[in-house]
Amino acid sequence: MPVAPSFSLPDQNGQKFDLDEAARSGPVVLFFYPRDDSMMCTKQVCAFRDSYSELKDLGCSIVGVSRDPVDSHARFSAKYKLPFPLLTDSSGALAKLFGVKRRFGMIPGRTTFVIDQQKQIVGRYDGLLAPNRHVQWASSVIRKTTL
């Protein structure tokens, strides 16, 4: 299994999220999405919000990543009452490190990773047109790897 790269990025509140620190507490569900407030991305993010308690009960941290700036993430998070951090990857460097491909040459990818406490990537799901499946897939992977 590949090891997730270490990183630290600002969230919607301007706080730094550090993967190494988060992984020490339990599995991390890291999901990349194209853009705040687009229809499909809102569905994906809200699916993670609606399953937040279930995933937290499994010991997970959840974190979303897009290229949107901190202020956009702050508005998006407040509008949909998101209980997890949204990280700003303004240059797309983190997406590149994780191998998240742009679709149709211009749309940032929609990819979800499950990362264990040793920072091993135990699963990856790509699904640009399947925003609701990401959380179901992540939950399934976590249940298989932790129970």
Protein backbone atom coordinates (compact mmCIF):
# COMPACT_ATOMS: atom_id res chain seq x y z
CA MET A 1 0.00 0.00 0.00
CA PRO A 2 1.29 3.46 -0.83
CA VAL A 3 2.03 5.91 1.97
CA ALA A 4 0.13 9.19 1.94
CA PRO A 5 2.35 12.24 1.61
CA SER A 6 2.63 14.49 4.66
CA PHE A 7 1.01 17.88 4.27
CA SER A 8 -0.36 20.83 6.17
CA LEU A 9 -2.93 23.20 4.64
CA PRO A 10 -5.28 25.93 5.89
CA ASP A 11 -8.93 25.12 6.52
CA GLN A 12 -12.01 27.33 6.23
CA ASN A 13 -11.19 28.96 9.60
CA GLY A 14 -7.58 29.69 8.69
CA GLN A 15 -6.37 26.87 10.96
CA LYS A 16 -3.72 24.44 9.77
CA PHE A 17 -4.76 20.83 9.18
CA ASP A 18 -1.82 18.42 9.43
CA LEU A 19 -2.28 14.90 8.04
CA ASP A 20 0.40 13.34 10.25
CA GLU A 21 -1.30 14.67 13.37
CA ALA A 22 -4.80 13.64 12.23
CA ALA A 23 -3.71 10.10 11.27
CA ARG A 24 -2.30 9.50 14.75
CA SER A 25 -5.87 9.71 16.09
CA GLY A 26 -7.39 7.23 13.64
CA PRO A 27 -8.25 6.73 9.97
CA VAL A 28 -8.62 9.80 7.78
CA VAL A 29 -11.16 10.11 4.97
CA LEU A 30 -9.63 12.64 2.59
CA PHE A 31 -11.86 13.69 -0.27
CA PHE A 32 -11.04 15.96 -3.18
CA TYR A 33 -13.88 17.80 -4.89
CA PRO A 34 -13.90 20.30 -7.76
CA ARG A 35 -15.63 23.41 -6.39
CA ASP A 36 -17.62 24.90 -3.53
CA ASP A 37 -21.34 25.42 -4.16
CA SER A 38 -21.57 23.50 -7.44
CA MET A 39 -24.50 21.07 -7.54
CA MET A 40 -22.52 17.80 -7.58
CA CYS A 41 -19.93 19.00 -5.06
CA THR A 42 -22.65 20.15 -2.68
CA LYS A 43 -24.22 16.69 -2.89
CA GLN A 44 -20.87 15.05 -2.12
CA VAL A 45 -20.00 17.34 0.78
CA CYS A 46 -23.48 17.10 2.29
CA ALA A 47 -23.37 13.30 2.03
CA PHE A 48 -20.21 13.38 4.17
CA ARG A 49 -21.91 15.84 6.55
CA ASP A 50 -24.96 13.58 6.86
CA SER A 51 -22.72 10.56 7.62
CA TYR A 52 -20.37 12.46 9.89
CA SER A 53 -21.59 10.89 13.15
CA GLU A 54 -21.37 7.38 11.72
CA LEU A 55 -17.81 7.95 10.46
CA LYS A 56 -16.75 9.63 13.72
CA ASP A 57 -18.13 6.61 15.62
CA LEU A 58 -15.74 4.49 13.53
CA GLY A 59 -12.87 6.68 14.77
CA CYS A 60 -12.38 8.65 11.53
CA SER A 61 -11.43 12.19 10.72
CA ILE A 62 -13.04 13.62 7.59
CA VAL A 63 -11.50 16.37 5.51
CA GLY A 64 -12.41 17.88 2.13
CA VAL A 65 -10.02 19.54 -0.30
CA SER A 66 -10.54 21.84 -3.28
CA ARG A 67 -8.75 24.73 -4.94
CA ASP A 68 -11.24 27.26 -3.57
CA PRO A 69 -9.86 29.98 -1.26
CA VAL A 70 -10.35 29.98 2.50
CA ASP A 71 -13.13 32.61 2.36
CA SER A 72 -15.13 30.53 -0.14
CA HIS A 73 -14.72 27.46 2.10
CA ALA A 74 -15.86 29.51 5.11
CA ARG A 75 -19.08 30.58 3.35
CA PHE A 76 -19.72 27.07 1.99
CA SER A 77 -19.09 25.46 5.37
CA ALA A 78 -21.37 27.90 7.20
CA LYS A 79 -24.13 27.60 4.58
CA TYR A 80 -24.27 23.79 4.89
CA LYS A 81 -23.21 23.52 8.57
CA LEU A 82 -20.21 21.32 7.82
CA PRO A 83 -18.62 19.72 10.91
CA PHE A 84 -15.28 18.95 9.25
CA PRO A 85 -12.45 20.98 7.73
CA LEU A 86 -12.32 22.07 4.10
CA LEU A 87 -8.75 22.64 2.96
CA THR A 88 -7.48 25.06 0.37
CA ASP A 89 -5.16 23.54 -2.23
CA SER A 90 -4.98 26.71 -4.32
CA SER A 91 -2.16 25.55 -6.60
CA GLY A 92 -3.44 21.99 -6.97
CA ALA A 93 -0.11 20.70 -5.62
CA LEU A 94 -1.74 18.39 -3.06
CA ALA A 95 -4.07 16.91 -5.67
CA LYS A 96 -1.04 16.28 -7.84
CA LEU A 97 0.84 14.59 -4.95
CA PHE A 98 -2.13 12.25 -4.48
CA GLY A 99 -2.47 11.61 -8.21
CA VAL A 100 -5.91 13.19 -8.49
CA LYS A 101 -6.43 13.73 -12.21
CA ARG A 102 -8.28 16.58 -13.87
CA ARG A 103 -11.24 15.38 -15.91
CA PHE A 104 -11.83 16.49 -19.46
CA GLY A 105 -8.57 18.44 -19.15
CA MET A 106 -10.06 21.14 -16.94
CA ILE A 107 -12.31 19.85 -14.13
CA PRO A 108 -10.50 19.00 -10.90
CA GLY A 109 -11.06 15.37 -9.95
CA ARG A 110 -13.49 13.96 -7.40
CA THR A 111 -11.43 11.36 -5.54
CA THR A 112 -11.71 9.98 -2.02
CA PHE A 113 -8.94 8.28 -0.04
CA VAL A 114 -9.01 6.30 3.18
CA ILE A 115 -5.73 6.65 5.07
CA ASP A 116 -4.94 4.50 8.12
CA GLN A 117 -3.01 5.43 11.28
CA GLN A 118 0.30 4.43 9.66
CA LYS A 119 -0.56 6.80 6.79
CA GLN A 120 -1.06 3.89 4.40
CA ILE A 121 -3.59 4.61 1.67
CA VAL A 122 -5.91 1.65 2.16
CA GLY A 123 -8.37 2.70 -0.54
CA ARG A 124 -9.07 5.13 -3.35
CA TYR A 125 -12.35 5.89 -5.10
CA ASP A 126 -12.68 8.00 -8.25
CA GLY A 127 -16.17 9.07 -9.22
CA LEU A 128 -16.67 12.47 -10.81
CA LEU A 129 -20.33 11.82 -11.59
CA ALA A 130 -21.12 9.79 -8.46
CA PRO A 131 -20.91 12.27 -5.56
CA ASN A 132 -23.10 10.25 -3.16
CA ARG A 133 -21.11 7.04 -3.58
CA HIS A 134 -17.94 8.46 -2.02
CA VAL A 135 -19.20 8.35 1.55
CA GLN A 136 -20.74 4.88 1.13
CA TRP A 137 -17.47 3.58 -0.30
CA ALA A 138 -15.38 5.20 2.49
CA SER A 139 -17.62 3.76 5.20
CA SER A 140 -17.35 0.31 3.64
CA VAL A 141 -13.54 0.46 3.46
CA ILE A 142 -13.24 1.65 7.06
CA ARG A 143 -15.53 -1.09 8.32
CA LYS A 144 -13.48 -3.73 6.48
CA THR A 145 -10.14 -2.43 7.72
CA THR A 146 -10.98 -1.59 11.35
CA LEU A 147 -13.48 -4.24 12.45
